[in-house]
């Protein structure tokens, strides 16, 4: 395998590794006892998977069509969607971190 292929985000081996890690993250998230955090984590995994697959499509389109910088307008909507997915993912991750921090601060209730 040449060096340029190893650095590409569309490298099939790396994609499979990332998909496997996302499956692990999704499973760990869904095992959380807090239903909100469980679904939040699963949603983050879903969005990261969408972004990964979208990125592969963008890379493939650029490579196959040999798009020059002047022609980037063709893929600009897909790139904008990719960035929107990452921004939303960032918001969800920040929310999850806040929920995690707040849950540690809350005193545990004793059973009555």
Protein backbone atom coordinates (compact mmCIF):
# COMPACT_ATOMS: atom_id res chain seq x y z
CA UNK A 1 0.00 0.00 0.00
CA UNK A 2 1.49 3.35 -0.99
CA UNK A 3 1.89 6.25 1.46
CA UNK A 4 -0.70 8.47 -0.23
CA UNK A 5 -3.37 5.78 0.19
CA UNK A 6 -2.59 5.39 3.88
CA UNK A 7 -3.09 9.12 4.54
CA UNK A 8 -6.44 9.32 2.75
CA UNK A 9 -9.55 9.44 4.96
CA UNK A 10 -11.23 7.27 2.31
CA UNK A 11 -8.77 4.42 2.92
CA UNK A 12 -11.07 1.35 3.20
CA UNK A 13 -9.00 -0.18 6.01
CA UNK A 14 -9.24 2.99 8.09
CA UNK A 15 -12.92 3.32 7.29
CA UNK A 16 -13.57 -0.18 8.62
CA UNK A 17 -11.57 0.58 11.77
CA UNK A 18 -13.50 3.79 12.32
CA UNK A 19 -16.85 2.07 11.74
CA UNK A 20 -15.88 -0.60 14.26
CA UNK A 21 -14.90 2.07 16.82
CA UNK A 22 -18.19 3.87 16.21
CA UNK A 23 -20.06 0.62 16.83
CA UNK A 24 -18.16 0.25 20.12
CA UNK A 25 -18.98 3.84 21.09
CA UNK A 26 -22.65 3.33 20.20
CA UNK A 27 -22.85 0.13 22.25
CA UNK A 28 -21.15 1.74 25.26
CA UNK A 29 -23.46 4.73 25.01
CA UNK A 30 -26.59 2.61 24.84
CA UNK A 31 -25.45 0.72 27.95
CA UNK A 32 -25.54 3.98 29.96
CA UNK A 33 -28.20 3.86 32.69
CA UNK A 34 -29.25 7.45 31.92
CA UNK A 35 -31.67 7.26 28.97
CA UNK A 36 -30.86 10.79 27.79
CA UNK A 37 -27.11 10.23 27.77
CA UNK A 38 -27.57 6.79 26.18
CA UNK A 39 -29.51 8.25 23.27
CA UNK A 40 -27.28 11.30 23.02
CA UNK A 41 -24.19 9.08 22.67
CA UNK A 42 -25.92 6.84 20.14
CA UNK A 43 -26.90 9.94 18.16
CA UNK A 44 -23.31 11.17 18.20
CA UNK A 45 -22.16 7.81 16.85
CA UNK A 46 -24.81 7.99 14.12
CA UNK A 47 -23.75 11.50 13.10
CA UNK A 48 -20.06 10.61 13.07
CA UNK A 49 -20.85 7.62 10.88
CA UNK A 50 -22.84 9.83 8.48
CA UNK A 51 -19.95 12.29 8.35
CA UNK A 52 -17.44 9.52 7.67
CA UNK A 53 -19.49 8.09 4.81
CA UNK A 54 -20.20 11.55 3.41
CA UNK A 55 -16.48 12.35 3.52
CA UNK A 56 -15.74 9.18 1.57
CA UNK A 57 -18.27 10.27 -1.05
CA UNK A 58 -16.76 13.74 -1.27
CA UNK A 59 -13.23 12.35 -1.60
CA UNK A 60 -14.38 9.87 -4.23
CA UNK A 61 -16.17 12.54 -6.26
CA UNK A 62 -13.14 14.83 -6.16
CA UNK A 63 -10.78 12.02 -7.15
CA UNK A 64 -12.96 10.44 -9.87
CA UNK A 65 -13.97 13.71 -11.50
CA UNK A 66 -10.51 15.24 -11.02
CA UNK A 67 -12.11 18.37 -9.61
CA UNK A 68 -9.86 21.40 -9.65
CA UNK A 69 -10.06 24.19 -7.07
CA UNK A 70 -12.09 26.23 -9.57
CA UNK A 71 -14.67 23.45 -9.79
CA UNK A 72 -15.13 22.99 -6.04
CA UNK A 73 -18.58 24.56 -6.33
CA UNK A 74 -19.77 21.13 -7.49
CA UNK A 75 -19.02 19.56 -4.11
CA UNK A 76 -19.53 22.65 -1.95
CA UNK A 77 -23.05 21.59 -0.78
CA UNK A 78 -21.75 18.20 0.34
CA UNK A 79 -18.81 19.83 2.11
CA UNK A 80 -21.18 22.26 3.85
CA UNK A 81 -23.36 19.35 5.00
CA UNK A 82 -20.26 17.54 6.27
CA UNK A 83 -19.28 20.60 8.31
CA UNK A 84 -22.84 21.02 9.66
CA UNK A 85 -22.83 17.41 10.84
CA UNK A 86 -19.55 17.98 12.67
CA UNK A 87 -20.81 21.20 14.27
CA UNK A 88 -23.93 19.42 15.54
CA UNK A 89 -21.82 16.51 16.75
CA UNK A 90 -19.65 18.96 18.68
CA UNK A 91 -22.75 20.47 20.33
CA UNK A 92 -24.01 17.03 21.37
CA UNK A 93 -20.61 16.05 22.77
CA UNK A 94 -20.46 19.29 24.79
CA UNK A 95 -23.97 18.63 26.11
CA UNK A 96 -22.96 15.09 27.07
CA UNK A 97 -19.91 16.41 28.92
CA UNK A 98 -22.06 18.92 30.83
CA UNK A 99 -24.55 16.21 31.77
CA UNK A 100 -21.71 13.96 32.92
CA UNK A 101 -20.20 16.75 35.04
CA UNK A 102 -23.56 17.71 36.56
CA UNK A 103 -24.43 14.11 37.40
CA UNK A 104 -21.18 13.79 39.38
CA UNK A 105 -22.03 16.92 41.37
CA UNK A 106 -25.55 15.79 42.26
CA UNK A 107 -25.83 13.97 45.57
CA UNK A 108 -27.11 10.45 45.34
CA UNK A 109 -30.45 9.88 47.03
CA UNK A 110 -30.68 7.27 49.69
CA UNK A 111 -33.48 4.71 49.24
CA UNK A 112 -36.41 5.37 51.53
